[in-house]
Amino acid sequence: MILVGLTGGVATGKSTVAGMFQRCGALVIDADALAHAVVEPGKPAWRAIVKTFGKTVLNPDRTLNRQALGAIVFRNRAKLRRLEQIIHPRVAREQARLARQAAHHNPKTVVIYDVPLLFEAGIDKRVDTIIVVTADRETQIARLKKRNGFTRAEAIRRIRSQLPQRNKVAAANYLLDGTTARPRLLPLVKRLYRELQSLT
């Protein structure tokens, strides 16, 4: 099995690339989906978040209000780090369990771990190779405004909350341009998938 870290800045096109790898036959583990699962109402991470940030971060149905929580943590680096300390270890355990399960079923599996904060959370030390998806800042801002309804200032703040793209690019084993048109991007992903398969 090969564990591949797939990362890049916010709104660079990681999910599109992950979907293409899935179509090729890779097992894709989505860190955001795992993060959603570990903070379901009543779970230990949910309780820790409510204790730390208060009940104002909850919706009426007791699920996390991500907008309210985001408004708190993306303005305060210390609070963002605290939230990450609650969520990241639990996500890491679940990712490891899923990867072990995949390797047990098929030792030649290519596991793509789609994780926005690969470097920030120290996950780069736990993967075999790293793919970074890039996009220019104006594309990121435009996508965040369209996708999340952010103002330009909110989009820039979200981008700045992550490690600068140049640092990620410097640490990458492979680069994919997330602004490439899909019909041209898919063959690049297919070729990279075959290369990764040869490494298992």
Foldseek 3Di string as FASTA:
>chain_A
DFEEEEEEFALQQSVVLLVLLVVLPAAEAELVVLLQVQCAPPHPLVVVCCVVPNPVQADPVRGGNVVVLCVPCLVPVVSVVVNCVSRVVSSVVVVVVVVVVVCVVPVLHYYYYYDHQCVVSVVVVVGDFYEYEYEDLVSQLVCCCVVVVDDSVVSVSSRVSHDDRVVVVVRHPHYHRSVDPVVVRSVVSSVVSVVSSVVD
